[in-house]
PDB file of N, CA and C in Angstrom:
ATOM      1  N   THR A   1       0.834  -1.188   0.000  1.00  0.00           N
ATOM      2  CA  THR A   1       0.000   0.000   0.000  1.00  0.00           C
ATOM      3  C   THR A   1       0.874   1.245   0.000  1.00  0.00           C
ATOM      4  N   ASP A   2       0.256   2.360  -0.305  1.00  0.00           N
ATOM      5  CA  ASP A   2       1.008   3.617  -0.300  1.00  0.00           C
ATOM      6  C   ASP A   2       1.542   3.948   1.086  1.00  0.00           C
ATOM      7  N   SER A   3       0.774   3.617   2.130  1.00  0.00           N
ATOM      8  CA  SER A   3       1.253   3.899   3.487  1.00  0.00           C
ATOM      9  C   SER A   3       2.466   3.037   3.826  1.00  0.00           C
ATOM     10  N   SER A   4       2.513   1.811   3.309  1.00  0.00           N
ATOM     11  CA  SER A   4       3.691   0.962   3.516  1.00  0.00           C
ATOM     12  C   SER A   4       4.913   1.556   2.829  1.00  0.00           C
ATOM     13  N   MET A   5       4.704   2.112   1.638  1.00  0.00           N
ATOM     14  CA  MET A   5       5.817   2.738   0.916  1.00  0.00           C
ATOM     15  C   MET A   5       6.330   3.949   1.680  1.00  0.00           C
ATOM     16  N   LEU A   6       5.420   4.727   2.262  1.00  0.00           N
ATOM     17  CA  LEU A   6       5.843   5.886   3.044  1.00  0.00           C
ATOM     18  C   LEU A   6       6.631   5.460   4.279  1.00  0.00           C
ATOM     19  N   ASN A   7       6.265   4.324   4.869  1.00  0.00           N
ATOM     20  CA  ASN A   7       7.001   3.817   6.032  1.00  0.00           C
ATOM     21  C   ASN A   7       8.414   3.377   5.658  1.00  0.00           C
ATOM     22  N   LEU A   8       8.607   2.906   4.414  1.00  0.00           N
ATOM     23  CA  LEU A   8       9.931   2.460   3.977  1.00  0.00           C
ATOM     24  C   LEU A   8      10.859   3.613   3.609  1.00  0.00           C
ATOM     25  N   GLN A   9      10.290   4.785   3.335  1.00  0.00           N
ATOM     26  CA  GLN A   9      11.123   5.923   2.944  1.00  0.00           C
ATOM     27  C   GLN A   9      12.127   6.247   4.034  1.00  0.00           C
ATOM     28  N   GLY A  10      13.355   6.428   3.618  1.00  0.00           N
ATOM     29  CA  GLY A  10      14.396   6.824   4.562  1.00  0.00           C
ATOM     30  C   GLY A  10      14.996   5.693   5.361  1.00  0.00           C
ATOM     31  N   THR A  11      14.488   4.451   5.203  1.00  0.00           N
ATOM     32  CA  THR A  11      15.056   3.341   5.968  1.00  0.00           C
ATOM     33  C   THR A  11      16.272   2.739   5.304  1.00  0.00           C
ATOM     34  N   GLY A  12      16.409   2.948   3.988  1.00  0.00           N
ATOM     35  CA  GLY A  12      17.545   2.388   3.267  1.00  0.00           C
ATOM     36  C   GLY A  12      17.418   0.905   3.001  1.00  0.00           C
ATOM     37  N   THR A  13      16.228   0.340   3.183  1.00  0.00           N
ATOM     38  CA  THR A  13      16.046  -1.090   2.972  1.00  0.00           C
ATOM     39  C   THR A  13      15.764  -1.447   1.518  1.00  0.00           C
ATOM     40  N   VAL A  14      15.337  -0.488   0.722  1.00  0.00           N
ATOM     41  CA  VAL A  14      15.041  -0.734  -0.688  1.00  0.00           C
ATOM     42  C   VAL A  14      15.917   0.189  -1.528  1.00  0.00           C
ATOM     43  N   SER A  15      16.756  -0.409  -2.379  1.00  0.00           N
ATOM     44  CA  SER A  15      17.628   0.385  -3.246  1.00  0.00           C
ATOM     45  C   SER A  15      17.554  -0.157  -4.657  1.00  0.00           C
ATOM     46  N   ILE A  16      17.265   0.720  -5.602  1.00  0.00           N
ATOM     47  CA  ILE A  16      17.215   0.337  -7.009  1.00  0.00           C
ATOM     48  C   ILE A  16      18.244   1.175  -7.747  1.00  0.00           C
ATOM     49  N   GLY A  17      19.189   0.497  -8.387  1.00  0.00           N
ATOM     50  CA  GLY A  17      20.234   1.190  -9.123  1.00  0.00           C
ATOM     51  C   GLY A  17      19.916   1.245 -10.605  1.00  0.00           C
ATOM     52  N   VAL A  18      20.119   2.392 -11.205  1.00  0.00           N
ATOM     53  CA  VAL A  18      19.877   2.595 -12.632  1.00  0.00           C
ATOM     54  C   VAL A  18      21.070   3.353 -13.219  1.00  0.00           C
ATOM     55  N   THR A  19      21.128   3.406 -14.546  1.00  0.00           N
ATOM     56  CA  THR A  19      22.185   4.134 -15.233  1.00  0.00           C
ATOM     57  C   THR A  19      21.605   5.389 -15.853  1.00  0.00           C
ATOM     58  N   ASP A  20      22.173   6.528 -15.509  1.00  0.00           N
ATOM     59  CA  ASP A  20      21.754   7.815 -16.072  1.00  0.00           C
ATOM     60  C   ASP A  20      22.540   8.035 -17.356  1.00  0.00           C
ATOM     61  N   VAL A  21      21.845   7.943 -18.501  1.00  0.00           N
ATOM     62  CA  VAL A  21      22.508   8.125 -19.793  1.00  0.00           C
ATOM     63  C   VAL A  21      22.267   9.515 -20.362  1.00  0.00           C
ATOM     64  N   SER A  22      21.694  10.410 -19.567  1.00  0.00           N
ATOM     65  CA  SER A  22      21.486  11.779 -20.039  1.00  0.00           C
ATOM     66  C   SER A  22      22.737  12.631 -19.865  1.00  0.00           C
ATOM     67  N   CYS A  23      23.778  12.052 -19.276  1.00  0.00           N
ATOM     68  CA  CYS A  23      25.053  12.756 -19.109  1.00  0.00           C
ATOM     69  C   CYS A  23      26.160  11.900 -19.717  1.00  0.00           C
ATOM     70  N   PHE A  24      27.328  12.503 -19.896  1.00  0.00           N
ATOM     71  CA  PHE A  24      28.463  11.732 -20.394  1.00  0.00           C
ATOM     72  C   PHE A  24      29.643  11.937 -19.467  1.00  0.00           C
ATOM     73  N   PRO A  25      30.260  10.887 -19.017  1.00  0.00           N
ATOM     74  CA  PRO A  25      29.915   9.490 -19.246  1.00  0.00           C
ATOM     75  C   PRO A  25      28.699   9.097 -18.417  1.00  0.00           C
ATOM     76  N   PRO A  26      27.976   8.053 -18.842  1.00  0.00           N
ATOM     77  CA  PRO A  26      26.824   7.590 -18.060  1.00  0.00           C
ATOM     78  C   PRO A  26      27.260   7.231 -16.642  1.00  0.00           C
ATOM     79  N   LYS A  27      26.383   7.492 -15.672  1.00  0.00           N
ATOM     80  CA  LYS A  27      26.763   7.216 -14.283  1.00  0.00           C
ATOM     81  C   LYS A  27      25.683   6.411 -13.572  1.00  0.00           C
ATOM     82  N   HIS A  28      26.112   5.683 -12.555  1.00  0.00           N
ATOM     83  CA  HIS A  28      25.211   4.858 -11.752  1.00  0.00           C
ATOM     84  C   HIS A  28      24.490   5.746 -10.740  1.00  0.00           C
ATOM     85  N   VAL A  29      23.177   5.595 -10.638  1.00  0.00           N
ATOM     86  CA  VAL A  29      22.354   6.407  -9.747  1.00  0.00           C
ATOM     87  C   VAL A  29      21.489   5.476  -8.910  1.00  0.00           C
ATOM     88  N   ILE A  30      21.383   5.758  -7.626  1.00  0.00           N
ATOM     89  CA  ILE A  30      20.462   5.018  -6.765  1.00  0.00           C
ATOM     90  C   ILE A  30      19.173   5.816  -6.678  1.00  0.00           C
ATOM     91  N   MET A  31      18.073   5.183  -7.079  1.00  0.00           N
ATOM     92  CA  MET A  31      16.781   5.858  -7.067  1.00  0.00           C
ATOM     93  C   MET A  31      16.362   6.151  -5.629  1.00  0.00           C
ATOM     94  N   PRO A  32      15.768   7.317  -5.396  1.00  0.00           N
ATOM     95  CA  PRO A  32      15.276   7.613  -4.050  1.00  0.00           C
ATOM     96  C   PRO A  32      14.087   6.723  -3.715  1.00  0.00           C
ATOM     97  N   ALA A  33      13.789   6.626  -2.440  1.00  0.00           N
ATOM     98  CA  ALA A  33      12.665   5.791  -2.008  1.00  0.00           C
ATOM     99  C   ALA A  33      11.379   6.262  -2.669  1.00  0.00           C
ATOM    100  N   ALA A  34      10.585   5.310  -3.105  1.00  0.00           N
ATOM    101  CA  ALA A  34       9.325   5.620  -3.774  1.00  0.00           C
ATOM    102  C   ALA A  34       8.280   6.098  -2.769  1.00  0.00           C
ATOM    103  N   ALA A  35       7.449   7.028  -3.218  1.00  0.00           N
ATOM    104  CA  ALA A  35       6.409   7.582  -2.344  1.00  0.00           C
ATOM    105  C   ALA A  35       5.088   6.837  -2.479  1.00  0.00           C
ATOM    106  N   SER A  36       4.959   5.995  -3.516  1.00  0.00           N
ATOM    107  CA  SER A  36       3.713   5.255  -3.716  1.00  0.00           C
ATOM    108  C   SER A  36       4.031   3.924  -4.376  1.00  0.00           C
ATOM    109  N   VAL A  37       3.039   3.061  -4.413  1.00  0.00           N
ATOM    110  CA  VAL A  37       3.209   1.764  -5.056  1.00  0.00           C
ATOM    111  C   VAL A  37       3.458   1.952  -6.549  1.00  0.00           C
ATOM    112  N   GLU A  38       2.736   2.884  -7.178  1.00  0.00           N
ATOM    113  CA  GLU A  38       2.917   3.129  -8.607  1.00  0.00           C
ATOM    114  C   GLU A  38       4.336   3.598  -8.917  1.00  0.00           C
ATOM    115  N   GLU A  39       4.855   4.493  -8.089  1.00  0.00           N
ATOM    116  CA  GLU A  39       6.220   4.980  -8.299  1.00  0.00           C
ATOM    117  C   GLU A  39       7.230   3.862  -8.092  1.00  0.00           C
ATOM    118  N   SER A  40       6.989   2.991  -7.132  1.00  0.00           N
ATOM    119  CA  SER A  40       7.864   1.848  -6.898  1.00  0.00           C
ATOM    120  C   SER A  40       7.875   0.913  -8.101  1.00  0.00           C
ATOM    121  N   LEU A  41       6.719   0.679  -8.688  1.00  0.00           N
ATOM    122  CA  LEU A  41       6.647  -0.170  -9.873  1.00  0.00           C
ATOM    123  C   LEU A  41       7.377   0.483 -11.046  1.00  0.00           C
ATOM    124  N   TYR A  42       7.248   1.791 -11.190  1.00  0.00           N
ATOM    125  CA  TYR A  42       7.952   2.487 -12.264  1.00  0.00           C
ATOM    126  C   TYR A  42       9.459   2.407 -12.067  1.00  0.00           C
ATOM    127  N   HIS A  43       9.933   2.556 -10.818  1.00  0.00           N
ATOM    128  CA  HIS A  43      11.357   2.413 -10.532  1.00  0.00           C
ATOM    129  C   HIS A  43      11.833   1.014 -10.918  1.00  0.00           C
ATOM    130  N   SER A  44      11.012   0.013 -10.638  1.00  0.00           N
ATOM    131  CA  SER A  44      11.379  -1.366 -10.984  1.00  0.00           C
ATOM    132  C   SER A  44      11.488  -1.546 -12.493  1.00  0.00           C
ATOM    133  N   THR A  45      10.571  -0.950 -13.246  1.00  0.00           N
ATOM    134  CA  THR A  45      10.652  -1.090 -14.700  1.00  0.00           C
ATOM    135  C   THR A  45      11.836  -0.313 -15.266  1.00  0.00           C
ATOM    136  N   ILE A  46      12.210   0.792 -14.634  1.00  0.00           N
ATOM    137  CA  ILE A  46      13.413   1.504 -15.073  1.00  0.00           C
ATOM    138  C   ILE A  46      14.620   0.587 -14.919  1.00  0.00           C
ATOM    139  N   SER A  47      14.651  -0.150 -13.842  1.00  0.00           N
ATOM    140  CA  SER A  47      15.757  -1.048 -13.559  1.00  0.00           C
ATOM    141  C   SER A  47      15.841  -2.206 -14.556  1.00  0.00           C
ATOM    142  N   MET A  48      14.806  -2.418 -15.332  1.00  0.00           N
ATOM    143  CA  MET A  48      14.796  -3.507 -16.314  1.00  0.00           C
ATOM    144  C   MET A  48      14.912  -3.010 -17.749  1.00  0.00           C
ATOM    145  N   ARG A  49      15.176  -1.731 -17.966  1.00  0.00           N
ATOM    146  CA  ARG A  49      15.204  -1.173 -19.322  1.00  0.00           C
ATOM    147  C   ARG A  49      16.473  -1.603 -20.044  1.00  0.00           C
ATOM    148  N   ILE A  50      16.372  -2.708 -20.764  1.00  0.00           N
ATOM    149  CA  ILE A  50      17.478  -3.243 -21.554  1.00  0.00           C
ATOM    150  C   ILE A  50      16.976  -3.407 -22.981  1.00  0.00           C
ATOM    151  N   PHE A  51      17.746  -2.890 -23.933  1.00  0.00           N
ATOM    152  CA  PHE A  51      17.382  -3.067 -25.333  1.00  0.00           C
ATOM    153  C   PHE A  51      17.673  -4.506 -25.742  1.00  0.00           C
ATOM    154  N   PRO A  52      16.915  -5.218 -26.474  1.00  0.00           N
ATOM    155  CA  PRO A  52      15.728  -4.829 -27.215  1.00  0.00           C
ATOM    156  C   PRO A  52      14.422  -5.118 -26.485  1.00  0.00           C
ATOM    157  N   PHE A  53      14.488  -5.512 -25.201  1.00  0.00           N
ATOM    158  CA  PHE A  53      13.266  -5.862 -24.478  1.00  0.00           C
ATOM    159  C   PHE A  53      12.377  -4.651 -24.243  1.00  0.00           C
ATOM    160  N   PHE A  54      12.983  -3.516 -23.973  1.00  0.00           N
ATOM    161  CA  PHE A  54      12.268  -2.251 -23.903  1.00  0.00           C
ATOM    162  C   PHE A  54      12.761  -1.403 -25.056  1.00  0.00           C
ATOM    163  N   ARG A  55      11.864  -0.875 -25.825  1.00  0.00           N
ATOM    164  CA  ARG A  55      12.248  -0.128 -27.021  1.00  0.00           C
ATOM    165  C   ARG A  55      12.833   1.239 -26.674  1.00  0.00           C
ATOM    166  N   PHE A  56      12.369   1.839 -25.553  1.00  0.00           N
ATOM    167  CA  PHE A  56      12.793   3.191 -25.199  1.00  0.00           C
ATOM    168  C   PHE A  56      13.330   3.229 -23.774  1.00  0.00           C
ATOM    169  N   PRO A  57      14.234   4.136 -23.482  1.00  0.00           N
ATOM    170  CA  PRO A  57      14.678   4.323 -22.100  1.00  0.00           C
ATOM    171  C   PRO A  57      13.567   4.984 -21.280  1.00  0.00           C
ATOM    172  N   ALA A  58      13.765   5.042 -19.989  1.00  0.00           N
ATOM    173  CA  ALA A  58      12.790   5.686 -19.108  1.00  0.00           C
ATOM    174  C   ALA A  58      13.152   7.158 -18.936  1.00  0.00           C
ATOM    175  N   PHE A  59      12.164   7.958 -18.664  1.00  0.00           N
ATOM    176  CA  PHE A  59      12.356   9.383 -18.394  1.00  0.00           C
ATOM    177  C   PHE A  59      11.823   9.665 -17.000  1.00  0.00           C
ATOM    178  N   TRP A  60      12.667  10.237 -16.155  1.00  0.00           N
ATOM    179  CA  TRP A  60      12.264  10.506 -14.775  1.00  0.00           C
ATOM    180  C   TRP A  60      12.995  11.748 -14.286  1.00  0.00           C
ATOM    181  N   ARG A  61      12.218  12.759 -13.903  1.00  0.00           N
ATOM    182  CA  ARG A  61      12.748  14.022 -13.370  1.00  0.00           C
ATOM    183  C   ARG A  61      13.844  14.621 -14.255  1.00  0.00           C
ATOM    184  N   GLY A  62      13.590  14.635 -15.556  1.00  0.00           N
ATOM    185  CA  GLY A  62      14.521  15.243 -16.493  1.00  0.00           C
ATOM    186  C   GLY A  62      15.717  14.397 -16.860  1.00  0.00           C
ATOM    187  N   ARG A  63      15.747  13.163 -16.424  1.00  0.00           N
ATOM    188  CA  ARG A  63      16.865  12.271 -16.724  1.00  0.00           C
ATOM    189  C   ARG A  63      16.402  11.173 -17.689  1.00  0.00           C
ATOM    190  N   VAL A  64      17.342  10.653 -18.446  1.00  0.00           N
ATOM    191  CA  VAL A  64      17.097   9.497 -19.304  1.00  0.00           C
ATOM    192  C   VAL A  64      17.805   8.318 -18.640  1.00  0.00           C
ATOM    193  N   LEU A  65      17.032   7.268 -18.289  1.00  0.00           N
ATOM    194  CA  LEU A  65      17.564   6.179 -17.478  1.00  0.00           C
ATOM    195  C   LEU A  65      17.368   4.822 -18.143  1.00  0.00           C
ATOM    196  N   VAL A  66      18.326   3.913 -17.913  1.00  0.00           N
ATOM    197  CA  VAL A  66      18.235   2.522 -18.346  1.00  0.00           C
ATOM    198  C   VAL A  66      18.684   1.633 -17.189  1.00  0.00           C
ATOM    199  N   ASP A  67      18.750   0.335 -17.430  1.00  0.00           N
ATOM    200  CA  ASP A  67      19.125  -0.637 -16.406  1.00  0.00           C
ATOM    201  C   ASP A  67      20.460  -0.280 -15.749  1.00  0.00           C
ATOM    202  N   GLY A  68      20.552  -0.503 -14.451  1.00  0.00           N
ATOM    203  CA  GLY A  68      21.764  -0.169 -13.708  1.00  0.00           C
ATOM    204  C   GLY A  68      22.957  -1.048 -14.021  1.00  0.00           C
ATOM    205  N   GLY A  69      22.723  -2.196 -14.656  1.00  0.00           N
ATOM    206  CA  GLY A  69      23.812  -3.098 -14.987  1.00  0.00           C
ATOM    207  C   GLY A  69      24.778  -2.531 -16.021  1.00  0.00           C
ATOM    208  N   PHE A  70      24.398  -1.457 -16.693  1.00  0.00           N
ATOM    209  CA  PHE A  70      25.299  -0.828 -17.649  1.00  0.00           C
ATOM    210  C   PHE A  70      26.405  -0.036 -16.957  1.00  0.00           C
ATOM    211  N   SER A  71      26.203   0.326 -15.701  1.00  0.00           N
ATOM    212  CA  SER A  71      27.194   1.154 -15.011  1.00  0.00           C
ATOM    213  C   SER A  71      27.738   0.525 -13.736  1.00  0.00           C
ATOM    214  N   ALA A  72      27.099  -0.514 -13.223  1.00  0.00           N
ATOM    215  CA  ALA A  72      27.582  -1.173 -12.003  1.00  0.00           C
ATOM    216  C   ALA A  72      27.042  -2.597 -11.960  1.00  0.00           C
ATOM    217  N   VAL A  73      27.812  -3.496 -11.382  1.00  0.00           N
ATOM    218  CA  VAL A  73      27.374  -4.885 -11.275  1.00  0.00           C
ATOM    219  C   VAL A  73      26.266  -5.012 -10.231  1.00  0.00           C
ATOM    220  N   TYR A  74      26.374  -4.263  -9.142  1.00  0.00           N
ATOM    221  CA  TYR A  74      25.345  -4.264  -8.105  1.00  0.00           C
ATOM    222  C   TYR A  74      25.317  -2.903  -7.430  1.00  0.00           C
ATOM    223  N   THR A  75      24.238  -2.660  -6.701  1.00  0.00           N
ATOM    224  CA  THR A  75      24.038  -1.369  -6.041  1.00  0.00           C
ATOM    225  C   THR A  75      24.302  -1.512  -4.554  1.00  0.00           C
ATOM    226  N   ILE A  76      25.135  -0.629  -4.024  1.00  0.00           N
ATOM    227  CA  ILE A  76      25.392  -0.590  -2.587  1.00  0.00           C
ATOM    228  C   ILE A  76      24.803   0.701  -2.052  1.00  0.00           C
ATOM    229  N   PRO A  77      23.785   0.595  -1.180  1.00  0.00           N
ATOM    230  CA  PRO A  77      23.166   1.805  -0.632  1.00  0.00           C
ATOM    231  C   PRO A  77      24.174   2.646   0.147  1.00  0.00           C
ATOM    232  N   PRO A  78      23.987   3.971   0.149  1.00  0.00           N
ATOM    233  CA  PRO A  78      24.937   4.859   0.843  1.00  0.00           C
ATOM    234  C   PRO A  78      25.062   4.583   2.331  1.00  0.00           C
ATOM    235  N   ASN A  79      23.993   4.116   2.973  1.00  0.00           N
ATOM    236  CA  ASN A  79      24.081   3.875   4.427  1.00  0.00           C
ATOM    237  C   ASN A  79      24.985   2.707   4.760  1.00  0.00           C
ATOM    238  N   VAL A  80      25.287   1.825   3.805  1.00  0.00           N
ATOM    239  CA  VAL A  80      26.226   0.728   4.042  1.00  0.00           C
ATOM    240  C   VAL A  80      27.646   1.282   4.144  1.00  0.00           C
ATOM    241  N   HIS A  81      27.969   2.256   3.305  1.00  0.00           N
ATOM    242  CA  HIS A  81      29.297   2.874   3.341  1.00  0.00           C
ATOM    243  C   HIS A  81      29.531   3.634   4.643  1.00  0.00           C
ATOM    244  N   SER A  82      28.468   4.224   5.169  1.00  0.00           N
ATOM    245  CA  SER A  82      28.639   5.024   6.382  1.00  0.00           C
ATOM    246  C   SER A  82      28.548   4.183   7.653  1.00  0.00           C
ATOM    247  N   GLY A  83      28.220   2.889   7.514  1.00  0.00           N
ATOM    248  CA  GLY A  83      28.158   2.023   8.677  1.00  0.00           C
ATOM    249  C   GLY A  83      26.867   2.106   9.453  1.00  0.00           C
ATOM    250  N   THR A  84      25.792   2.683   8.871  1.00  0.00           N
ATOM    251  CA  THR A  84      24.540   2.817   9.591  1.00  0.00           C
ATOM    252  C   THR A  84      23.500   1.778   9.187  1.00  0.00           C
ATOM    253  N   ALA A  85      23.905   0.828   8.341  1.00  0.00           N
ATOM    254  CA  ALA A  85      22.935  -0.188   7.886  1.00  0.00           C
ATOM    255  C   ALA A  85      22.576  -1.099   9.051  1.00  0.00           C
ATOM    256  N   GLY A  86      21.307  -1.514   9.045  1.00  0.00           N
ATOM    257  CA  GLY A  86      20.762  -2.360  10.100  1.00  0.00           C
ATOM    258  C   GLY A  86      21.399  -3.653  10.116  1.00  0.00           C
TER     259      GLY A  86
END
Protein backbone atom coordinates (compact mmCIF):
# COMPACT_ATOMS: atom_id res chain seq x y z
CA THR A 1 0.00 0.00 0.00
CA ASP A 2 1.01 3.62 -0.30
CA SER A 3 1.25 3.90 3.49
CA SER A 4 3.69 0.96 3.52
CA MET A 5 5.82 2.74 0.92
CA LEU A 6 5.84 5.89 3.04
CA ASN A 7 7.00 3.82 6.03
CA LEU A 8 9.93 2.46 3.98
CA GLN A 9 11.12 5.92 2.94
CA GLY A 10 14.40 6.82 4.56
CA THR A 11 15.06 3.34 5.97
CA GLY A 12 17.54 2.39 3.27
CA THR A 13 16.05 -1.09 2.97
CA VAL A 14 15.04 -0.73 -0.69
CA SER A 15 17.63 0.39 -3.25
CA ILE A 16 17.22 0.34 -7.01
CA GLY A 17 20.23 1.19 -9.12
CA VAL A 18 19.88 2.59 -12.63
CA THR A 19 22.19 4.13 -15.23
CA ASP A 20 21.75 7.81 -16.07
CA VAL A 21 22.51 8.13 -19.79
CA SER A 22 21.49 11.78 -20.04
CA CYS A 23 25.05 12.76 -19.11
CA PHE A 24 28.46 11.73 -20.39
CA PRO A 25 29.91 9.49 -19.25
CA PRO A 26 26.82 7.59 -18.06
CA LYS A 27 26.76 7.22 -14.28
CA HIS A 28 25.21 4.86 -11.75
CA VAL A 29 22.35 6.41 -9.75
CA ILE A 30 20.46 5.02 -6.76
CA MET A 31 16.78 5.86 -7.07
CA PRO A 32 15.28 7.61 -4.05
CA ALA A 33 12.66 5.79 -2.01
CA ALA A 34 9.32 5.62 -3.77
CA ALA A 35 6.41 7.58 -2.34
CA SER A 36 3.71 5.25 -3.72
CA VAL A 37 3.21 1.76 -5.06
CA GLU A 38 2.92 3.13 -8.61
CA GLU A 39 6.22 4.98 -8.30
CA SER A 40 7.86 1.85 -6.90
CA LEU A 41 6.65 -0.17 -9.87
CA TYR A 42 7.95 2.49 -12.26
CA HIS A 43 11.36 2.41 -10.53
CA SER A 44 11.38 -1.37 -10.98
CA THR A 45 10.65 -1.09 -14.70
CA ILE A 46 13.41 1.50 -15.07
CA SER A 47 15.76 -1.05 -13.56
CA MET A 48 14.80 -3.51 -16.31
CA ARG A 49 15.20 -1.17 -19.32
CA ILE A 50 17.48 -3.24 -21.55
CA PHE A 51 17.38 -3.07 -25.33
CA PRO A 52 15.73 -4.83 -27.21
CA PHE A 53 13.27 -5.86 -24.48
CA PHE A 54 12.27 -2.25 -23.90
CA ARG A 55 12.25 -0.13 -27.02
CA PHE A 56 12.79 3.19 -25.20
CA PRO A 57 14.68 4.32 -22.10
CA ALA A 58 12.79 5.69 -19.11
CA PHE A 59 12.36 9.38 -18.39
CA TRP A 60 12.26 10.51 -14.77
CA ARG A 61 12.75 14.02 -13.37
CA GLY A 62 14.52 15.24 -16.49
CA ARG A 63 16.86 12.27 -16.72
CA VAL A 64 17.10 9.50 -19.30
CA LEU A 65 17.56 6.18 -17.48
CA VAL A 66 18.23 2.52 -18.35
CA ASP A 67 19.12 -0.64 -16.41
CA GLY A 68 21.76 -0.17 -13.71
CA GLY A 69 23.81 -3.10 -14.99
CA PHE A 70 25.30 -0.83 -17.65
CA SER A 71 27.19 1.15 -15.01
CA ALA A 72 27.58 -1.17 -12.00
CA VAL A 73 27.37 -4.88 -11.28
CA TYR A 74 25.34 -4.26 -8.11
CA THR A 75 24.04 -1.37 -6.04
CA ILE A 76 25.39 -0.59 -2.59
CA PRO A 77 23.17 1.80 -0.63
CA PRO A 78 24.94 4.86 0.84
CA ASN A 79 24.08 3.88 4.43
CA VAL A 80 26.23 0.73 4.04
CA HIS A 81 29.30 2.87 3.34
CA SER A 82 28.64 5.02 6.38
CA GLY A 83 28.16 2.02 8.68
CA THR A 84 24.54 2.82 9.59
CA ALA A 85 22.94 -0.19 7.89
CA GLY A 86 20.76 -2.36 10.10
